[in-house]
Protein backbone atom coordinates (compact mmCIF):
# COMPACT_ATOMS: atom_id res chain seq x y z
CA MET A 1 117.93 85.10 6.50
CA SER A 2 114.58 84.42 4.88
CA THR A 3 111.75 82.52 6.47
CA ASN A 4 111.28 78.89 5.48
CA THR A 5 107.61 77.96 5.18
CA VAL A 6 106.73 74.34 5.96
CA LEU A 7 103.22 73.42 4.86
CA THR A 8 101.94 70.67 7.14
CA LEU A 9 99.11 68.37 6.08
CA VAL A 10 97.51 66.26 8.81
CA GLY A 11 95.84 63.10 7.52
CA SER A 12 93.56 62.64 10.51
CA LEU A 13 90.23 64.46 10.55
CA ARG A 14 89.33 63.37 14.09
CA ALA A 15 88.98 65.95 16.85
CA GLY A 16 91.65 65.23 19.44
CA SER A 17 93.82 63.39 16.91
CA THR A 18 97.28 62.49 18.16
CA ASN A 19 98.59 63.34 14.69
CA GLN A 20 97.08 66.83 14.97
CA GLN A 21 98.78 67.08 18.36
CA LEU A 22 102.05 65.94 16.78
CA ALA A 23 101.66 68.65 14.11
CA GLU A 24 101.08 71.20 16.89
CA ALA A 25 104.22 69.99 18.68
CA ILE A 26 106.15 70.37 15.43
CA GLN A 27 104.80 73.89 15.03
CA LEU A 28 105.72 74.81 18.62
CA ASN A 29 109.26 73.45 18.22
CA ALA A 30 110.03 75.12 14.91
CA PRO A 31 113.39 76.85 14.81
CA GLU A 32 113.60 80.59 14.37
CA GLN A 33 113.01 81.57 10.73
CA VAL A 34 110.77 78.54 10.15
CA ASP A 35 107.05 79.10 9.78
CA VAL A 36 105.06 75.88 10.15
CA VAL A 37 101.62 76.30 8.60
CA ILE A 38 99.12 73.57 9.44
CA HIS A 39 96.62 73.40 6.60
CA GLU A 40 93.12 73.26 8.00
CA SER A 41 90.81 70.37 7.28
CA LEU A 42 91.64 68.22 4.37
CA GLY A 43 88.10 66.93 4.88
CA ASN A 44 86.66 69.95 3.03
CA ILE A 45 88.41 69.10 -0.22
CA PRO A 46 86.23 67.15 -2.68
CA PHE A 47 87.57 63.86 -3.99
CA TYR A 48 89.87 64.42 -6.92
CA ASN A 49 88.03 64.23 -10.24
CA GLU A 50 89.43 65.51 -13.53
CA ASP A 51 85.93 66.65 -14.49
CA ILE A 52 86.04 69.33 -11.78
CA ASP A 53 89.75 70.14 -12.13
CA ILE A 54 89.21 72.84 -14.73
CA GLU A 55 91.30 76.00 -14.73
CA GLY A 56 89.31 78.82 -13.20
CA GLN A 57 86.72 76.39 -11.80
CA VAL A 58 88.74 74.34 -9.30
CA PRO A 59 86.80 73.97 -6.03
CA ALA A 60 87.87 76.63 -3.53
CA ALA A 61 89.22 74.18 -0.93
CA ALA A 62 91.40 72.43 -3.53
CA ALA A 63 92.59 75.75 -4.97
CA ALA A 64 93.53 76.94 -1.46
CA LEU A 65 95.52 73.75 -0.87
CA ARG A 66 97.38 74.18 -4.16
CA ALA A 67 98.14 77.83 -3.40
CA ALA A 68 99.43 76.95 0.08
CA ALA A 69 101.69 74.23 -1.36
CA ASN A 70 102.97 76.52 -4.10
CA ASN A 71 103.84 79.15 -1.48
CA ALA A 72 105.62 76.68 0.82
CA ASP A 73 109.31 75.89 0.68
CA THR A 74 108.85 72.38 2.02
CA LEU A 75 106.00 70.01 2.77
CA LEU A 76 105.46 67.86 5.85
CA LEU A 77 102.83 65.12 5.90
CA VAL A 78 101.66 63.93 9.32
CA THR A 79 99.74 60.71 8.95
CA PRO A 80 97.99 58.11 11.04
CA GLU A 81 97.56 54.61 9.68
CA HIS A 82 94.14 53.49 8.48
CA ASN A 83 93.97 49.77 7.74
CA GLY A 84 97.68 49.63 7.04
CA THR A 85 97.76 52.58 4.67
CA VAL A 86 97.37 56.34 4.35
CA PRO A 87 93.97 57.93 5.15
CA ALA A 88 91.78 58.87 2.18
CA SER A 89 91.88 62.57 3.10
CA LEU A 90 95.66 62.72 2.80
CA LYS A 91 95.76 60.65 -0.39
CA ASN A 92 93.14 62.95 -1.88
CA ALA A 93 95.27 66.00 -1.01
CA ILE A 94 98.25 64.37 -2.71
CA ASP A 95 96.11 63.72 -5.79
CA TRP A 96 95.04 67.38 -6.00
CA LEU A 97 98.64 68.55 -5.51
CA SER A 98 99.95 66.20 -8.20
CA ARG A 99 98.01 67.94 -10.98
CA PRO A 100 98.54 69.15 -13.59
CA TYR A 101 100.72 66.13 -14.28
CA GLY A 102 104.41 67.02 -14.17
CA ALA A 103 103.75 70.59 -13.05
CA GLY A 104 101.72 70.18 -9.87
CA ALA A 105 102.51 71.91 -6.58
CA LEU A 106 104.53 68.88 -5.45
CA ALA A 107 106.97 68.97 -8.37
CA GLY A 108 110.46 69.09 -6.86
CA LYS A 109 109.11 70.11 -3.45
CA PRO A 110 111.20 68.73 -0.54
CA THR A 111 108.73 66.58 1.39
CA ALA A 112 108.96 64.60 4.62
CA VAL A 113 106.46 62.18 6.13
CA VAL A 114 106.01 61.56 9.86
CA GLY A 115 103.24 60.38 12.13
CA THR A 116 101.93 58.43 15.04
CA ALA A 117 99.59 55.50 15.31
CA PHE A 118 98.11 53.19 17.90
CA GLY A 119 100.04 50.14 16.67
CA GLN A 120 103.45 49.02 17.76
CA TYR A 121 105.22 50.43 14.69
CA GLY A 122 103.79 53.95 14.78
CA GLY A 123 102.21 53.92 11.35
CA VAL A 124 105.28 53.11 9.26
CA TRP A 125 103.17 51.41 6.57
CA ALA A 126 101.09 54.55 6.10
CA GLN A 127 104.24 56.66 6.05
CA ASP A 128 105.79 54.40 3.41
CA GLU A 129 102.61 54.61 1.30
CA ALA A 130 102.55 58.41 1.62
CA ARG A 131 106.22 58.63 0.60
CA LYS A 132 105.50 56.46 -2.42
CA ALA A 133 102.49 58.56 -3.47
CA VAL A 134 104.22 61.94 -3.15
CA SER A 135 107.30 60.59 -4.89
CA ILE A 136 105.25 59.44 -7.87
CA ALA A 137 103.53 62.86 -7.79
CA GLY A 138 106.94 64.50 -8.27
CA ALA A 139 107.98 65.58 -4.79
CA GLN A 140 111.56 65.34 -3.62
CA VAL A 141 110.93 62.84 -0.82
CA LEU A 142 113.26 62.92 2.17
CA GLU A 143 113.50 59.15 2.60
CA ASP A 144 115.81 59.36 5.62
CA VAL A 145 113.46 61.50 7.71
CA LYS A 146 111.77 59.14 10.12
CA LEU A 147 109.45 59.93 12.99
CA ALA A 148 107.00 57.15 13.79
CA VAL A 149 105.58 57.21 17.30
CA PRO A 150 103.95 53.90 18.30
CA GLY A 151 101.25 53.40 20.89
CA SER A 152 99.90 56.90 20.45
CA MET A 153 96.58 56.45 22.23
CA VAL A 154 98.34 55.27 25.38
CA ARG A 155 101.51 57.34 25.09
CA PHE A 156 99.65 60.61 24.57
CA ALA A 157 96.63 59.86 26.77
CA GLU A 158 97.87 62.25 29.44
CA VAL A 159 100.89 63.89 27.80
CA HIS A 160 100.77 66.11 24.72
CA PRO A 161 103.56 65.29 22.22
CA LYS A 162 105.02 68.79 22.82
CA ASP A 163 105.78 67.66 26.38
CA ASP A 164 107.39 64.34 25.39
CA ALA A 165 111.17 64.93 25.42
CA GLU A 166 111.91 62.02 23.06
CA VAL A 167 109.39 63.27 20.49
CA VAL A 168 110.73 66.84 20.74
CA GLU A 169 114.26 65.57 20.03
CA GLN A 170 112.99 63.66 17.00
CA ILE A 171 111.19 66.80 15.80
CA LYS A 172 114.49 68.70 15.91
CA SER A 173 116.07 66.11 13.62
CA VAL A 174 113.14 66.48 11.19
CA PHE A 175 113.76 70.24 11.02
CA ALA A 176 117.48 69.70 10.46
CA ALA A 177 116.71 67.43 7.49
CA LEU A 178 114.14 69.88 6.08
CA ALA A 179 116.63 72.76 6.36
CA GLU A 180 119.31 70.72 4.59
CA ALA A 181 116.88 69.76 1.81
CA ARG A 182 115.85 73.37 1.36
CA THR A 183 119.49 74.44 1.08
CA VAL A 184 120.19 71.76 -1.52
CA ALA A 185 117.01 72.64 -3.47
CA ALA A 186 117.95 76.34 -3.49
CA ALA A 187 121.47 75.65 -4.81
């Protein structure tokens, strides 16, 4: 059986981010034959601008993101909620991955969106916005994959998400959906 690579993009740039911790918990709970790659710092990627998106001259951080997405079987976005929507860093990554139009690294890529936020709904607005953006960008969005952990600052103040049994169970269901989507995409 071949390895399934899941590229994980974390929308939070903050040190100690609960979404980074959630991504780490996802990585630690990956089934055998699944390689979860957490892409480092979306904060190093310049804002998308067609004037700098020139073949052979794409900024190194953006080119590395595109290469990682092209090499991945599936994509997982882990997002906090900033003012009711997706953080700029994650939206910027989606913009880079959507180009060239119709043939970007997201085209047909099975993609799920999860996250945690301080509010009582766990960032569902941001997750919905991220699903909308990657769908428009051409990804195959897994609409039924849901993992929104509310009250993150309190819930994970003393417990890492990897040690939260409820979160670990939800992570397992995310992997089951990603595996099913990969099987369907390969058929």
